Amino acid sequence: MLKVLGVDDGSFKPCNFACKYCRKYPSKKLADGYFDPIRGSTSFNQYRNQHTQVITVLEDKIESTFYKISGHGEISLIPDFLGLLPSSFGKPILITNGSRLKERDLPKLAEIDAVLSISLDGHTSILNTARSGKVESVLSLIRVACDYDIPIEINSVLSKWNMEDFDEFLFFLKKFSNLVCFPFPVRDFSTQLNESYKASYKQFQVFKEKVLDNYQEFNYILPPFQYLENMLSTMKIGRQIPCFLPNIIISLNWQFDILKCPCGPTGNLGNLLNSPNKALNQWKKQSEKYSKKFLFHECNQCYTHFDIINLYLLGKITSLDLRKIPSLSNTKTTKFLKEYSTKCTKEN
């Protein structure tokens, strides 16, 4: 069995949003599925069948500490989508824009000890300018999810619309318990529409003064200080820390290819529908080649919530810091990372 930190399942592409830095058009509803202008048609039945096939293969081949679904679309568009969450890959993490999740879905999420990872850039329509949808419906979901004691991670893309007043969003979030907010930048990938959405240098400075210099005000709803410090450094001068993620996370795209990296469009290692053994062997070979050099040219401007893992493996934060992050707080995850950290130290 291959031991991996996690499975990052981005195989469902259709989305009902068209966020400015992500896609030009939302997917269109069909009789039994959705049509995406770039990816084409997705049939619910076909997707379920293929997804089941891939999960069955992975259950026989890998051991994982978490399973994250819907990093590239909105999985709640599928009727009975909760049935797609496997129980065999560790802690379930559901990424969602929050627009279609219903209160009736929450007891099931609480029952399986899932983490709700909600994409939201602010609590007002102005701060949330880059995103589609109505802010209030997402805020209502957060309130109700907290009532069910479901741990929540808020993923916030920093842009020129929200960076200068991001502290207002953090003050709003302080009223909720069991919640962490992860800000990260729009990345310089050719697939992302980011040219006019980046924050200015002045806005970086304001963010530093309002958030980093005032960290103690927000420390229990933010990741460790080192995460924010490295994020600002990456936004200003480019990435300075190495990345271990391609070596420990198996990431899937919309064709059920294993990607070379879970954070961006860097090519694939093979297809799990057509040649699963070959794809997994290719990933294994890649995972054995640890290097402090960037594997891909896209790395230079990349920084995501996953970088909390890199900071731990580099010794910049502690296991206590990790435990405040809902998606990384389970015992299997911390054990895997501790063992992998020891391995990296010995090899380098």
Protein backbone atom coordinates (compact mmCIF):
# COMPACT_ATOMS: atom_id res chain seq x y z
CA MET A 1 0.00 0.00 0.00
CA LEU A 2 1.23 3.48 -0.87
CA LYS A 3 1.13 5.75 2.17
CA VAL A 4 0.14 9.32 1.27
CA LEU A 5 -0.77 12.37 3.29
CA GLY A 6 -3.99 12.97 1.38
CA VAL A 7 -6.11 12.65 -1.74
CA ASP A 8 -7.04 15.96 -3.39
CA ASP A 9 -10.00 15.11 -5.61
CA GLY A 10 -10.66 17.89 -8.12
CA SER A 11 -12.41 15.62 -10.59
CA PHE A 12 -15.74 17.50 -10.70
CA LYS A 13 -15.31 20.60 -12.86
CA PRO A 14 -18.78 22.17 -13.33
CA CYS A 15 -19.46 25.23 -11.17
CA ASN A 16 -22.44 27.55 -10.76
CA PHE A 17 -20.12 30.49 -10.09
CA ALA A 18 -17.90 32.51 -12.43
CA CYS A 19 -15.43 34.14 -10.07
CA LYS A 20 -13.36 36.83 -11.78
CA TYR A 21 -9.98 35.17 -11.18
CA CYS A 22 -11.13 31.66 -12.06
CA ARG A 23 -13.49 31.31 -15.04
CA LYS A 24 -15.37 33.51 -17.49
CA TYR A 25 -18.69 31.67 -17.46
CA PRO A 26 -20.62 29.47 -15.02
CA SER A 27 -21.51 25.95 -16.13
CA LYS A 28 -24.97 25.51 -17.64
CA LYS A 29 -27.51 23.07 -16.24
CA LEU A 30 -28.47 20.11 -18.42
CA ALA A 31 -31.12 17.42 -17.90
CA ASP A 32 -28.65 15.13 -16.10
CA GLY A 33 -25.52 17.14 -15.62
CA TYR A 34 -23.79 20.37 -16.60
CA PHE A 35 -22.11 21.89 -19.62
CA ASP A 36 -18.83 23.73 -19.07
CA PRO A 37 -17.63 26.03 -21.89
CA ILE A 38 -14.08 24.65 -21.55
CA ARG A 39 -14.54 21.06 -20.34
CA GLY A 40 -17.71 20.17 -22.22
CA SER A 41 -20.63 18.14 -20.85
CA THR A 42 -20.55 16.28 -17.56
CA SER A 43 -23.26 13.68 -16.96
CA PHE A 44 -24.05 13.00 -13.31
CA ASN A 45 -24.45 9.27 -13.94
CA GLN A 46 -21.23 9.00 -15.91
CA TYR A 47 -19.35 10.98 -13.29
CA ARG A 48 -20.67 8.83 -10.44
CA ASN A 49 -19.69 5.63 -12.26
CA GLN A 50 -16.21 6.86 -13.10
CA HIS A 51 -15.71 8.27 -9.61
CA THR A 52 -16.73 4.95 -8.04
CA GLN A 53 -14.31 3.11 -10.33
CA VAL A 54 -11.41 5.37 -9.36
CA ILE A 55 -12.18 5.28 -5.63
CA THR A 56 -12.32 1.47 -5.76
CA VAL A 57 -8.87 1.41 -7.37
CA LEU A 58 -7.40 3.81 -4.81
CA GLU A 59 -8.91 1.96 -1.85
CA ASP A 60 -6.96 -1.09 -2.94
CA LYS A 61 -3.70 0.78 -3.54
CA ILE A 62 -3.23 3.62 -1.05
CA GLU A 63 -3.53 4.58 2.60
CA SER A 64 -4.42 8.24 3.20
CA THR A 65 -5.01 10.53 6.21
CA PHE A 66 -7.50 12.90 4.54
CA TYR A 67 -9.72 13.13 1.46
CA LYS A 68 -10.53 16.54 -0.02
CA ILE A 69 -13.16 16.83 -2.76
CA SER A 70 -14.20 19.56 -5.20
CA GLY A 71 -11.20 21.81 -5.50
CA HIS A 72 -12.05 22.78 -9.10
CA GLY A 73 -15.86 22.84 -9.25
CA GLU A 74 -18.93 22.80 -7.01
CA ILE A 75 -19.62 19.22 -5.98
CA SER A 76 -22.95 20.09 -4.34
CA LEU A 77 -24.41 20.52 -7.84
CA ILE A 78 -24.71 16.71 -7.91
CA PRO A 79 -27.85 15.30 -6.27
CA ASP A 80 -26.93 13.17 -3.22
CA PHE A 81 -23.31 14.37 -3.50
CA LEU A 82 -22.53 13.30 0.07
CA GLY A 83 -22.60 9.71 -1.14
CA LEU A 84 -19.40 10.45 -3.08
CA LEU A 85 -17.38 10.94 0.10
CA PRO A 86 -15.48 7.70 0.79
CA SER A 87 -14.98 6.60 4.39
CA SER A 88 -11.67 4.84 3.76
CA PHE A 89 -9.30 7.78 3.15
CA GLY A 90 -9.24 9.51 6.51
CA LYS A 91 -10.84 12.83 7.39
CA PRO A 92 -13.32 14.07 4.74
CA ILE A 93 -12.89 17.70 3.63
CA LEU A 94 -15.62 19.25 1.50
CA ILE A 95 -14.66 22.34 -0.51
CA THR A 96 -17.68 24.40 -1.48
CA ASN A 97 -18.73 27.93 -2.40
CA GLY A 98 -21.59 27.42 0.05
CA SER A 99 -24.33 28.49 -2.34
CA ARG A 100 -26.16 25.17 -2.63
CA LEU A 101 -25.39 23.36 0.60
CA LYS A 102 -28.57 22.89 2.66
CA GLU A 103 -29.14 22.54 6.38
CA ARG A 104 -30.34 18.98 5.77
CA ASP A 105 -26.80 18.13 4.55
CA LEU A 106 -25.14 19.25 7.78
CA PRO A 107 -26.12 16.38 10.14
CA LYS A 108 -24.45 13.92 7.74
CA LEU A 109 -21.29 16.06 7.59
CA ALA A 110 -21.23 16.21 11.38
CA GLU A 111 -21.79 12.45 11.62
CA ILE A 112 -18.76 11.63 9.44
CA ASP A 113 -16.60 14.24 11.21
CA ALA A 114 -16.06 16.22 8.02
CA VAL A 115 -14.40 19.61 7.67
CA LEU A 116 -16.33 22.25 5.71
CA SER A 117 -13.93 24.28 3.56
CA ILE A 118 -15.81 27.35 2.32
CA SER A 119 -14.55 29.71 -0.39
CA LEU A 120 -15.36 33.29 0.65
CA ASP A 121 -13.38 36.52 0.26
CA GLY A 122 -15.29 38.71 2.70
CA HIS A 123 -18.54 39.27 4.58
CA THR A 124 -19.76 42.14 2.37
CA SER A 125 -20.50 42.35 -1.32
CA ILE A 126 -17.62 44.83 -1.78
CA LEU A 127 -14.99 42.60 -0.16
CA ASN A 128 -16.45 39.69 -2.11
CA THR A 129 -16.43 41.53 -5.46
CA ALA A 130 -14.34 38.89 -7.23
CA ARG A 131 -16.80 36.10 -6.39
CA SER A 132 -20.21 35.24 -7.79
CA GLY A 133 -23.27 34.55 -5.68
CA LYS A 134 -24.96 36.17 -2.71
CA VAL A 135 -22.78 36.65 0.36
CA GLU A 136 -25.61 36.41 2.87
CA SER A 137 -26.58 32.87 1.91
CA VAL A 138 -22.99 31.71 2.54
CA LEU A 139 -22.85 33.55 5.87
CA SER A 140 -26.09 31.84 6.88
CA LEU A 141 -24.53 28.47 6.07
CA ILE A 142 -21.54 29.29 8.29
CA ARG A 143 -23.84 30.21 11.19
CA VAL A 144 -25.85 27.00 10.94
CA ALA A 145 -22.75 24.81 10.43
CA CYS A 146 -21.29 26.26 13.63
CA ASP A 147 -24.50 25.27 15.43
CA TYR A 148 -23.82 21.69 14.32
CA ASP A 149 -20.23 22.05 15.61
CA ILE A 150 -18.78 21.33 12.16
CA PRO A 151 -15.20 22.63 11.90
CA ILE A 152 -14.85 25.27 9.17
CA GLU A 153 -11.98 26.57 7.11
CA ILE A 154 -12.57 29.76 5.14
CA ASN A 155 -10.44 30.01 1.98
CA SER A 156 -10.06 33.66 0.96
CA VAL A 157 -8.33 34.85 -2.19
CA LEU A 158 -6.63 38.19 -1.61
CA SER A 159 -7.21 40.74 -4.37
CA LYS A 160 -7.36 44.49 -4.82
CA TRP A 161 -10.97 44.42 -3.57
CA ASN A 162 -10.46 42.89 -0.14
CA MET A 163 -6.82 43.08 0.94
CA GLU A 164 -6.90 46.60 2.36
CA ASP A 165 -9.94 45.94 4.57
CA PHE A 166 -9.45 42.24 5.27
CA ASP A 167 -9.32 42.96 9.00
CA GLU A 168 -13.03 43.86 8.86
CA PHE A 169 -13.77 40.34 7.65
CA LEU A 170 -11.64 38.88 10.45
CA PHE A 171 -13.47 40.95 13.08
CA PHE A 172 -16.73 39.56 11.68
CA LEU A 173 -15.47 35.96 11.83
CA LYS A 174 -14.39 36.28 15.47
CA LYS A 175 -17.96 35.61 16.58
CA PHE A 176 -17.74 31.99 15.32
CA SER A 177 -16.08 29.07 17.07
CA ASN A 178 -14.12 26.18 15.54
CA LEU A 179 -13.21 28.26 12.47
CA VAL A 180 -9.93 29.21 10.77
CA CYS A 181 -9.54 31.66 7.88
CA PHE A 182 -6.85 31.01 5.25
CA PRO A 183 -6.00 34.01 3.04
CA PHE A 184 -3.83 33.39 -0.02
CA PRO A 185 -3.05 35.29 -3.26
CA VAL A 186 -4.28 35.00 -6.81
CA ARG A 187 -1.56 32.96 -8.52
CA ASP A 188 0.30 33.66 -11.76
CA PHE A 189 -1.00 30.63 -13.66
CA SER A 190 -1.95 30.86 -17.31
CA THR A 191 -5.28 29.20 -16.51
CA GLN A 192 -6.26 31.92 -14.05
CA LEU A 193 -7.58 35.31 -15.07
CA ASN A 194 -5.57 37.39 -12.66
CA GLU A 195 -4.08 40.34 -14.53
CA SER A 196 -6.25 43.10 -13.10
CA TYR A 197 -7.08 41.62 -9.70
CA LYS A 198 -3.76 41.74 -7.88
CA ALA A 199 -3.39 43.98 -4.84
CA SER A 200 -0.99 46.91 -4.98
CA TYR A 201 2.14 47.36 -2.88
CA LYS A 202 0.29 49.94 -0.79
CA GLN A 203 -2.45 47.40 -0.07
CA PHE A 204 0.21 44.86 1.01
CA GLN A 205 1.46 47.38 3.54
CA VAL A 206 -2.04 48.13 4.85
CA PHE A 207 -2.72 44.38 5.21
CA LYS A 208 0.54 44.01 7.14
CA GLU A 209 -0.34 46.86 9.50
CA LYS A 210 -3.94 45.80 10.08
CA VAL A 211 -3.51 42.02 10.21
CA LEU A 212 0.09 40.91 10.81
CA ASP A 213 1.00 43.75 13.18
CA ASN A 214 -2.29 43.13 14.98
CA TYR A 215 -1.99 39.32 14.88
CA GLN A 216 -2.85 38.74 18.55
CA GLU A 217 -6.30 40.18 17.89
CA PHE A 218 -7.03 37.44 15.35
CA ASN A 219 -4.61 34.64 16.22
CA TYR A 220 -7.26 32.02 17.02
CA ILE A 221 -9.03 32.40 13.66
CA LEU A 222 -5.89 32.70 11.53
CA PRO A 223 -3.15 30.20 10.65
CA PRO A 224 0.22 30.68 12.37
CA PHE A 225 1.98 34.01 11.95
CA GLN A 226 4.74 32.37 9.88
CA TYR A 227 2.15 31.37 7.25
CA LEU A 228 1.05 34.99 6.79
CA GLU A 229 4.61 36.29 6.83
CA ASN A 230 5.68 33.89 4.06
CA MET A 231 2.50 34.64 2.11
CA LEU A 232 3.29 38.37 1.96
CA SER A 233 6.88 37.61 1.01
CA THR A 234 5.71 35.41 -1.87
CA MET A 235 3.31 38.10 -3.08
CA LYS A 236 6.08 40.72 -3.08
CA ILE A 237 9.22 38.94 -4.29
CA GLY A 238 8.20 35.38 -5.21
CA ARG A 239 8.33 32.06 -3.43
CA GLN A 240 11.29 31.47 -1.12
CA ILE A 241 10.45 28.14 0.52
CA PRO A 242 10.57 24.64 -1.05
CA CYS A 243 7.43 22.56 -1.53
CA PHE A 244 6.90 18.93 -0.53
CA LEU A 245 3.29 18.64 -1.68
CA PRO A 246 3.83 16.76 -5.00
CA ASN A 247 5.59 14.05 -2.97
CA ILE A 248 2.87 13.41 -0.39
CA ILE A 249 -0.53 14.30 -1.93
CA ILE A 250 -2.27 12.50 -4.79
CA SER A 251 -4.30 15.02 -6.77
CA LEU A 252 -6.90 14.24 -9.45
CA ASN A 253 -8.13 16.40 -12.32
CA TRP A 254 -11.43 16.32 -14.22
CA GLN A 255 -10.27 13.39 -16.40
CA PHE A 256 -9.12 11.38 -13.35
CA ASP A 257 -5.47 11.93 -14.20
CA ILE A 258 -3.01 12.07 -11.32
CA LEU A 259 -1.49 15.55 -11.43
CA LYS A 260 2.18 16.25 -10.94
CA CYS A 261 1.22 18.88 -8.35
CA PRO A 262 -1.98 19.44 -6.30
CA CYS A 263 -1.64 23.23 -6.59
CA GLY A 264 -1.62 23.99 -10.28
CA PRO A 265 -1.69 23.02 -13.98
CA THR A 266 1.70 21.33 -14.21
CA GLY A 267 0.85 18.25 -16.28
CA ASN A 268 -0.13 14.74 -15.24
CA LEU A 269 1.42 11.36 -14.42
CA GLY A 270 -1.18 9.04 -15.91
CA ASN A 271 -4.87 8.19 -15.87
CA LEU A 272 -6.61 6.19 -13.13
CA LEU A 273 -9.43 5.05 -15.42
CA ASN A 274 -7.25 3.66 -18.21
CA SER A 275 -3.94 2.72 -16.58
CA PRO A 276 -4.15 3.02 -12.78
CA ASN A 277 -1.04 0.96 -11.98
CA LYS A 278 1.11 2.97 -14.36
CA ALA A 279 -0.22 6.28 -13.01
CA LEU A 280 0.40 5.30 -9.37
CA ASN A 281 3.87 3.97 -10.19
CA GLN A 282 4.73 7.28 -11.87
CA TRP A 283 3.53 9.17 -8.81
CA LYS A 284 5.59 6.89 -6.55
CA LYS A 285 8.72 7.60 -8.62
CA GLN A 286 8.09 11.34 -8.37
CA SER A 287 7.45 11.13 -4.62
CA GLU A 288 10.85 9.54 -4.05
CA LYS A 289 12.72 12.45 -5.64
CA TYR A 290 12.66 15.09 -2.93
CA SER A 291 14.38 18.34 -3.92
CA LYS A 292 14.59 21.80 -2.39
CA LYS A 293 14.52 23.21 -5.91
CA PHE A 294 11.17 24.19 -7.44
CA LEU A 295 9.83 21.38 -9.61
CA PHE A 296 7.83 23.65 -11.94
CA HIS A 297 8.16 27.24 -13.15
CA GLU A 298 4.68 27.99 -11.76
CA CYS A 299 6.03 27.46 -8.22
CA ASN A 300 7.56 30.94 -8.04
CA GLN A 301 4.23 32.72 -7.54
CA CYS A 302 2.32 29.90 -5.87
CA TYR A 303 1.15 30.07 -2.25
CA THR A 304 -1.91 28.27 -0.89
CA HIS A 305 -3.43 26.98 2.35
CA PHE A 306 -1.41 23.79 1.72
CA ASP A 307 1.76 25.76 2.55
CA ILE A 308 0.98 25.30 6.21
CA ILE A 309 2.19 21.73 5.61
CA ASN A 310 5.45 22.92 4.04
CA LEU A 311 6.12 25.25 6.96
CA TYR A 312 5.75 22.35 9.39
CA LEU A 313 8.06 20.09 7.37
CA LEU A 314 10.63 22.90 7.27
CA GLY A 315 10.49 23.26 11.05
CA LYS A 316 8.97 26.76 10.90
CA ILE A 317 5.88 25.81 12.92
CA THR A 318 5.12 23.09 15.47
CA SER A 319 2.67 20.21 15.73
CA LEU A 320 0.67 22.36 18.17
CA ASP A 321 0.27 24.93 15.38
CA LEU A 322 -0.96 22.20 13.04
CA ARG A 323 -3.59 21.00 15.50
CA LYS A 324 -5.45 24.31 15.33
CA ILE A 325 -6.09 23.66 11.61
CA PRO A 326 -9.26 21.50 11.36
CA SER A 327 -8.25 19.62 8.21
CA LEU A 328 -4.83 18.70 9.66
CA SER A 329 -5.71 18.12 13.30
CA ASN A 330 -6.45 14.40 13.22
CA THR A 331 -3.92 12.01 14.74
CA LYS A 332 -3.18 10.12 11.50
CA THR A 333 -2.26 13.34 9.70
CA THR A 334 0.07 14.63 12.41
CA LYS A 335 1.71 11.20 12.71
CA PHE A 336 2.32 11.01 8.94
CA LEU A 337 3.82 14.51 8.86
CA LYS A 338 6.05 13.83 11.86
CA GLU A 339 7.42 10.67 10.23
CA TYR A 340 7.89 12.40 6.86
CA SER A 341 9.65 15.33 8.54
CA THR A 342 12.10 12.90 10.16
CA LYS A 343 12.69 11.23 6.77
CA CYS A 344 13.43 14.59 5.09
CA THR A 345 15.85 15.54 7.85
CA LYS A 346 17.79 12.29 7.46
CA GLU A 347 17.97 12.55 3.65
CA ASN A 348 19.12 16.16 3.64
